[in-house]
Amino acid sequence: SFSDCIQDALPAITMEDFATPPEGDAPIILGDALPMDTDFAAPATDGFAIPPSDDPFVGTIDETPADAPIVLGAAPVETGQIEDVDEVEESDLQSGPSPMQQWNEEWQNLLVERKDAENAKKAELIAAAEESMKNFQDQRESKRESKLSKNRSDEQEKLEAIEADLENDNSWQRVCKMVELSHESGEDSVDVKRMRDVMILLKNEPSRASVLA
């Protein structure tokens, strides 16, 4: 059979082919154990170039001088560039105001301009109001004086007329002045035309008035 053919082809394996199991806590070693040497041998230098004996980087640790200083690099030369940059920045800051200061200054200037314009407009309105009030007072005083003058003139005329009537012997003239002779009577009113004619006749002919008296 096929399995018999496989067994015939494989070599026979015995118990001797297996390693003896370790006893206790001994480590399991797979394969042949290597010989343990107490000293480490230096690697072979075959095929590698031998460094020169005067190379300063070749040597043992013990050969390093104890007091030799370790220099990592040369100290930087102070050129003053950092100070110059700081001075330039400070000078730039001191030479001009900041944007906030510029805005505040512009805003204050704008407020001053607005206040000045407001004061000028207010003064202009006050001056116009005072001028208008003065003109009103002048016109009022002029009208008052004109009215007072007219009243005095009318009063003087009335006084003169009264004195003239008192000096006149014809009393019917005073009566005719007190009565409205030009008034026309209406359709429903009493006709007083004859009475007006008599009054006018007596005013014009004082002799008849004296006969009636």
Foldseek 3Di string as FASTA:
>chain_A
DVVVVVVVVDDDDDPVVDDDDDPDPDDDDDDDDDDDDPDDDDDDCPPHDDDDPPDPVDDDPVPDDPPDDDDPDDDDDDPCPVVVVVVVVVCVPVVDDDPVVVVVVVVVVVVVVVVVVVVVVVVVVVVVVVVVVVVVVVVVVVVVVVVVVVVVVVVVVVVVVVVVCVVDPQVLVVVPVVDDLPDDDDPPDDDCPVVSVVSVVCNVDVVVVVVVD
